[in-house]
């Protein structure tokens, strides 16, 4: 039987724009706009950090831990259509919405 070598499993849970994300190094994901320019890097505080067999849970943040994120591009989400209608009243209303998003990449996760 062969031994399987596993890479170090490290992930972090962060909050960006009122949404929580479970992130690993190199991961690319969409989030709400952060108000920063494309190409900028910024750090985000970590709420949970998992390294190999250890899990650090913050109250509310893990001290010394941070995730460095890079903004790749600005994108727009899918179109959401809404419609209201009241029968026999001649009332209807319709609208559409597209959320402004940013594509982010996890540059690094540091424990301290």
N, C-alpha and C. Protein backbone atom coordinates (compact mmCIF):
# COMPACT_ATOMS: atom_id res chain seq x y z
N UNK A 1 0.84 -1.18 0.00
CA UNK A 1 0.00 0.00 0.00
C UNK A 1 0.89 1.24 0.00
N UNK A 2 0.59 2.16 -0.90
CA UNK A 2 1.39 3.38 -1.03
C UNK A 2 0.84 4.46 -0.11
N UNK A 3 1.75 5.22 0.44
CA UNK A 3 1.33 6.36 1.24
C UNK A 3 1.03 7.53 0.32
N UNK A 4 -0.06 8.20 0.59
CA UNK A 4 -0.45 9.35 -0.22
C UNK A 4 0.05 10.60 0.49
N UNK A 5 0.86 11.39 -0.23
CA UNK A 5 1.34 12.64 0.34
C UNK A 5 0.33 13.73 0.04
N UNK A 6 -0.09 14.39 1.06
CA UNK A 6 -1.04 15.47 0.90
C UNK A 6 -0.34 16.80 1.14
N UNK A 7 -0.73 17.78 0.35
CA UNK A 7 -0.20 19.12 0.57
C UNK A 7 -0.84 19.70 1.82
N UNK A 8 -0.22 20.74 2.32
CA UNK A 8 -0.78 21.40 3.49
C UNK A 8 -2.13 22.00 3.13
N UNK A 9 -3.13 21.64 3.88
CA UNK A 9 -4.47 22.18 3.66
C UNK A 9 -4.60 23.40 4.56
N UNK A 10 -4.80 24.55 3.93
CA UNK A 10 -4.94 25.79 4.69
C UNK A 10 -6.06 26.59 4.05
N UNK A 11 -7.02 26.94 4.86
CA UNK A 11 -8.09 27.80 4.37
C UNK A 11 -8.49 28.78 5.45
N UNK A 12 -9.20 29.83 5.03
CA UNK A 12 -9.63 30.87 5.95
C UNK A 12 -11.05 31.29 5.61
N UNK A 13 -11.76 31.74 6.63
CA UNK A 13 -13.10 32.29 6.43
C UNK A 13 -13.01 33.79 6.70
N UNK A 14 -13.39 34.59 5.69
CA UNK A 14 -13.32 36.05 5.80
C UNK A 14 -14.68 36.64 5.43
N UNK A 15 -14.89 37.90 5.84
CA UNK A 15 -16.10 38.62 5.47
C UNK A 15 -15.73 39.77 4.56
N UNK A 16 -16.38 39.82 3.39
CA UNK A 16 -16.19 40.90 2.44
C UNK A 16 -17.57 41.36 2.00
N UNK A 17 -17.90 42.61 2.29
CA UNK A 17 -19.18 43.15 1.86
C UNK A 17 -20.38 42.41 2.40
N UNK A 18 -20.39 42.10 3.69
CA UNK A 18 -21.49 41.40 4.36
C UNK A 18 -21.71 39.98 3.86
N UNK A 19 -20.71 39.38 3.23
CA UNK A 19 -20.78 37.98 2.82
C UNK A 19 -19.54 37.27 3.34
N UNK A 20 -19.72 36.04 3.80
CA UNK A 20 -18.58 35.26 4.27
C UNK A 20 -18.14 34.30 3.17
N UNK A 21 -16.81 34.14 3.03
CA UNK A 21 -16.24 33.28 2.03
C UNK A 21 -15.22 32.35 2.67
N UNK A 22 -15.21 31.09 2.25
CA UNK A 22 -14.17 30.14 2.64
C UNK A 22 -13.16 30.15 1.50
N UNK A 23 -11.93 30.57 1.80
CA UNK A 23 -10.93 30.82 0.77
C UNK A 23 -9.68 29.98 0.96
N UNK A 24 -9.10 29.57 -0.19
CA UNK A 24 -7.80 28.91 -0.20
C UNK A 24 -6.87 29.71 -1.10
N UNK A 25 -5.57 29.52 -0.94
CA UNK A 25 -4.60 30.28 -1.74
C UNK A 25 -4.79 29.98 -3.23
N UNK A 26 -4.77 31.05 -4.04
CA UNK A 26 -4.91 30.91 -5.48
C UNK A 26 -6.35 30.89 -5.98
N UNK A 27 -7.30 30.86 -5.09
CA UNK A 27 -8.72 30.79 -5.48
C UNK A 27 -9.17 32.13 -6.07
N UNK A 28 -10.01 32.06 -7.11
CA UNK A 28 -10.60 33.24 -7.73
C UNK A 28 -12.10 33.18 -7.50
N UNK A 29 -12.68 34.30 -7.05
CA UNK A 29 -14.10 34.31 -6.72
C UNK A 29 -14.69 35.69 -6.96
N UNK A 30 -16.02 35.78 -6.98
CA UNK A 30 -16.74 37.04 -7.16
C UNK A 30 -17.27 37.52 -5.83
N UNK A 31 -17.17 38.84 -5.59
CA UNK A 31 -17.76 39.42 -4.39
C UNK A 31 -18.32 40.79 -4.75
N UNK A 32 -19.04 41.38 -3.81
CA UNK A 32 -19.56 42.72 -4.03
C UNK A 32 -18.40 43.70 -4.17
N UNK A 33 -18.67 44.84 -4.79
CA UNK A 33 -17.61 45.83 -4.99
C UNK A 33 -17.06 46.29 -3.65
N UNK A 34 -15.74 46.43 -3.61
CA UNK A 34 -15.06 46.83 -2.38
C UNK A 34 -14.75 48.32 -2.35
N UNK A 35 -14.91 49.02 -3.47
CA UNK A 35 -14.59 50.44 -3.52
C UNK A 35 -13.14 50.71 -3.85
N UNK A 36 -12.38 49.67 -4.19
CA UNK A 36 -10.98 49.82 -4.55
C UNK A 36 -10.81 49.62 -6.06
N UNK A 37 -9.70 50.10 -6.60
CA UNK A 37 -9.44 50.05 -8.04
C UNK A 37 -8.95 48.66 -8.47
N UNK A 38 -9.08 48.37 -9.76
CA UNK A 38 -8.59 47.12 -10.33
C UNK A 38 -7.06 47.09 -10.23
N UNK A 39 -6.52 45.95 -9.81
CA UNK A 39 -5.08 45.79 -9.66
C UNK A 39 -4.60 46.04 -8.24
N UNK A 40 -5.45 46.62 -7.41
CA UNK A 40 -5.05 46.91 -6.02
C UNK A 40 -5.07 45.63 -5.18
N UNK A 41 -4.20 45.59 -4.20
CA UNK A 41 -4.18 44.50 -3.23
C UNK A 41 -4.59 45.05 -1.87
N UNK A 42 -5.33 44.25 -1.11
CA UNK A 42 -5.73 44.67 0.22
C UNK A 42 -5.82 43.45 1.12
N UNK A 43 -5.74 43.71 2.42
CA UNK A 43 -5.81 42.64 3.42
C UNK A 43 -7.19 42.60 4.03
N UNK A 44 -7.62 41.40 4.36
CA UNK A 44 -8.91 41.21 4.99
C UNK A 44 -8.71 40.44 6.29
N UNK A 45 -9.38 40.83 7.37
CA UNK A 45 -9.25 40.09 8.62
C UNK A 45 -9.90 38.71 8.52
N UNK A 46 -9.39 37.78 9.31
CA UNK A 46 -9.80 36.38 9.25
C UNK A 46 -10.65 36.03 10.46
N UNK A 47 -11.77 35.34 10.23
CA UNK A 47 -12.64 34.90 11.32
C UNK A 47 -12.32 33.46 11.74
N UNK A 48 -11.86 32.64 10.81
CA UNK A 48 -11.50 31.26 11.10
C UNK A 48 -10.31 30.89 10.23
N UNK A 49 -9.33 30.22 10.81
CA UNK A 49 -8.14 29.82 10.07
C UNK A 49 -7.88 28.35 10.36
N UNK A 50 -7.78 27.55 9.30
CA UNK A 50 -7.52 26.11 9.44
C UNK A 50 -6.19 25.79 8.78
N UNK A 51 -5.28 25.19 9.57
CA UNK A 51 -3.97 24.75 9.08
C UNK A 51 -3.79 23.30 9.46
N UNK A 52 -3.57 22.45 8.48
CA UNK A 52 -3.38 21.02 8.69
C UNK A 52 -4.39 20.48 9.71
N UNK A 53 -3.95 20.24 10.95
CA UNK A 53 -4.85 19.66 11.96
C UNK A 53 -5.33 20.67 12.99
N UNK A 54 -4.98 21.94 12.82
CA UNK A 54 -5.34 22.97 13.80
C UNK A 54 -6.38 23.91 13.21
N UNK A 55 -7.34 24.29 14.04
CA UNK A 55 -8.35 25.28 13.64
C UNK A 55 -8.34 26.40 14.66
N UNK A 56 -8.16 27.62 14.20
CA UNK A 56 -8.17 28.80 15.07
C UNK A 56 -9.45 29.57 14.79
N UNK A 57 -10.23 29.79 15.83
CA UNK A 57 -11.49 30.52 15.69
C UNK A 57 -11.33 31.85 16.39
N UNK A 58 -11.64 32.92 15.68
CA UNK A 58 -11.48 34.26 16.24
C UNK A 58 -12.70 34.72 16.99
N UNK A 59 -12.49 35.70 17.85
CA UNK A 59 -13.60 36.29 18.61
C UNK A 59 -13.54 37.80 18.49
N UNK A 60 -13.94 38.47 17.47
CA UNK A 60 -14.49 37.94 16.22
C UNK A 60 -13.42 37.64 15.16
N UNK A 61 -12.17 38.07 15.37
CA UNK A 61 -11.13 37.85 14.38
C UNK A 61 -9.95 37.13 15.00
N UNK A 62 -9.24 36.35 14.19
CA UNK A 62 -8.02 35.67 14.64
C UNK A 62 -6.90 36.69 14.65
N UNK A 63 -6.28 36.88 15.80
CA UNK A 63 -5.24 37.91 15.91
C UNK A 63 -4.01 37.51 15.11
N UNK A 64 -3.49 38.45 14.32
CA UNK A 64 -2.28 38.21 13.54
C UNK A 64 -2.51 37.53 12.21
N UNK A 65 -3.69 37.02 11.96
CA UNK A 65 -3.96 36.33 10.69
C UNK A 65 -4.57 37.30 9.69
N UNK A 66 -4.19 37.14 8.43
CA UNK A 66 -4.78 37.99 7.39
C UNK A 66 -4.75 37.27 6.06
N UNK A 67 -5.65 37.67 5.18
CA UNK A 67 -5.72 37.15 3.82
C UNK A 67 -5.47 38.33 2.89
N UNK A 68 -4.51 38.19 1.97
CA UNK A 68 -4.22 39.23 1.00
C UNK A 68 -4.96 38.92 -0.29
N UNK A 69 -5.76 39.89 -0.75
CA UNK A 69 -6.59 39.72 -1.94
C UNK A 69 -6.18 40.72 -3.01
N UNK A 70 -6.27 40.30 -4.26
CA UNK A 70 -5.96 41.17 -5.39
C UNK A 70 -7.21 41.28 -6.26
N UNK A 71 -7.53 42.52 -6.67
CA UNK A 71 -8.70 42.75 -7.52
C UNK A 71 -8.28 42.55 -8.97
N UNK A 72 -8.91 41.58 -9.64
CA UNK A 72 -8.58 41.27 -11.02
C UNK A 72 -9.37 42.11 -12.01
N UNK A 73 -10.69 42.22 -11.82
CA UNK A 73 -11.50 43.01 -12.73
C UNK A 73 -12.87 43.32 -12.13
N UNK A 74 -13.52 44.34 -12.70
CA UNK A 74 -14.89 44.68 -12.34
C UNK A 74 -15.82 43.97 -13.32
N UNK A 75 -16.84 43.33 -12.81
CA UNK A 75 -17.82 42.63 -13.64
C UNK A 75 -19.22 42.98 -13.16
N UNK A 76 -20.21 42.55 -13.91
CA UNK A 76 -21.60 42.75 -13.51
C UNK A 76 -22.27 41.40 -13.43
N UNK A 77 -23.14 41.25 -12.46
CA UNK A 77 -23.85 39.99 -12.25
C UNK A 77 -24.95 39.79 -13.28
N UNK A 78 -25.66 38.69 -13.12
CA UNK A 78 -26.78 38.37 -14.00
C UNK A 78 -27.92 39.36 -13.78
N UNK A 79 -28.72 39.55 -14.82
CA UNK A 79 -29.86 40.46 -14.73
C UNK A 79 -30.97 39.78 -13.92
N UNK A 80 -31.48 40.53 -12.97
CA UNK A 80 -32.60 40.07 -12.15
C UNK A 80 -33.81 40.89 -12.56
N UNK A 81 -34.89 40.21 -12.93
CA UNK A 81 -36.10 40.91 -13.35
C UNK A 81 -37.17 40.74 -12.28
N UNK A 82 -37.84 41.84 -11.99
CA UNK A 82 -38.93 41.82 -11.02
C UNK A 82 -40.22 42.27 -11.70
N UNK A 83 -41.35 41.78 -11.18
CA UNK A 83 -42.62 42.12 -11.78
C UNK A 83 -43.70 42.10 -10.71
N UNK A 84 -44.53 43.14 -10.69
CA UNK A 84 -45.69 43.19 -9.81
C UNK A 84 -46.93 43.32 -10.68
N UNK A 85 -48.03 42.73 -10.22
CA UNK A 85 -49.25 42.74 -11.01
C UNK A 85 -50.44 42.58 -10.07
N UNK A 86 -51.46 43.38 -10.28
CA UNK A 86 -52.71 43.23 -9.53
C UNK A 86 -53.83 43.00 -10.54
N UNK A 87 -54.46 41.88 -10.44
CA UNK A 87 -55.49 41.54 -11.42
C UNK A 87 -56.70 42.46 -11.31
N UNK A 88 -57.27 42.74 -12.44
CA UNK A 88 -58.48 43.56 -12.59
C UNK A 88 -58.32 45.00 -12.12
N UNK A 89 -57.13 45.45 -11.84
CA UNK A 89 -56.91 46.83 -11.38
C UNK A 89 -56.15 47.66 -12.41
N UNK A 90 -55.60 47.01 -13.42
CA UNK A 90 -54.83 47.72 -14.41
C UNK A 90 -53.47 48.15 -13.90
N UNK A 91 -53.00 47.51 -12.84
CA UNK A 91 -51.72 47.87 -12.23
C UNK A 91 -50.68 46.81 -12.54
N UNK A 92 -49.55 47.26 -13.09
CA UNK A 92 -48.40 46.38 -13.22
C UNK A 92 -47.14 47.24 -13.19
N UNK A 93 -46.07 46.62 -12.76
CA UNK A 93 -44.80 47.30 -12.66
C UNK A 93 -43.70 46.28 -12.89
N UNK A 94 -42.73 46.62 -13.70
CA UNK A 94 -41.60 45.71 -13.89
C UNK A 94 -40.30 46.49 -13.87
N UNK A 95 -39.24 45.83 -13.44
CA UNK A 95 -37.94 46.46 -13.31
C UNK A 95 -36.86 45.40 -13.47
N UNK A 96 -35.62 45.87 -13.63
CA UNK A 96 -34.48 44.97 -13.74
C UNK A 96 -33.32 45.52 -12.92
N UNK A 97 -32.40 44.64 -12.58
CA UNK A 97 -31.25 45.05 -11.76
C UNK A 97 -30.06 44.15 -12.09
N UNK A 98 -28.88 44.77 -12.18
CA UNK A 98 -27.64 44.01 -12.31
C UNK A 98 -26.67 44.50 -11.23
N UNK A 99 -26.18 43.57 -10.41
CA UNK A 99 -25.29 43.91 -9.32
C UNK A 99 -23.87 44.14 -9.84
N UNK A 100 -23.20 45.17 -9.34
CA UNK A 100 -21.79 45.40 -9.66
C UNK A 100 -20.94 44.51 -8.76
N UNK A 101 -20.06 43.73 -9.37
CA UNK A 101 -19.23 42.78 -8.65
C UNK A 101 -17.75 43.00 -8.99
N UNK A 102 -16.88 42.36 -8.22
CA UNK A 102 -15.45 42.37 -8.52
C UNK A 102 -14.93 40.95 -8.45
N UNK A 103 -14.04 40.62 -9.38
CA UNK A 103 -13.40 39.32 -9.37
C UNK A 103 -12.12 39.46 -8.56
N UNK A 104 -11.99 38.65 -7.51
CA UNK A 104 -10.85 38.72 -6.59
C UNK A 104 -10.06 37.43 -6.62
N UNK A 105 -8.76 37.54 -6.36
CA UNK A 105 -7.88 36.38 -6.27
C UNK A 105 -7.20 36.40 -4.90
N UNK A 106 -7.08 35.23 -4.29
CA UNK A 106 -6.40 35.10 -3.01
C UNK A 106 -4.91 34.98 -3.28
N UNK A 107 -4.14 36.00 -2.88
CA UNK A 107 -2.70 36.01 -3.11
C UNK A 107 -2.00 35.19 -2.03
N UNK A 108 -2.36 35.42 -0.77
CA UNK A 108 -1.72 34.67 0.31
C UNK A 108 -2.61 34.63 1.55
N UNK A 109 -2.37 33.61 2.35
CA UNK A 109 -3.01 33.49 3.66
C UNK A 109 -1.87 33.36 4.66
N UNK A 110 -1.81 34.30 5.62
CA UNK A 110 -0.74 34.25 6.61
C UNK A 110 -1.33 34.09 8.00
N UNK A 111 -0.65 33.28 8.80
CA UNK A 111 -1.14 32.99 10.14
C UNK A 111 -0.68 34.01 11.16
N UNK A 112 0.47 34.60 10.97
CA UNK A 112 0.92 35.60 11.95
C UNK A 112 1.85 36.61 11.34
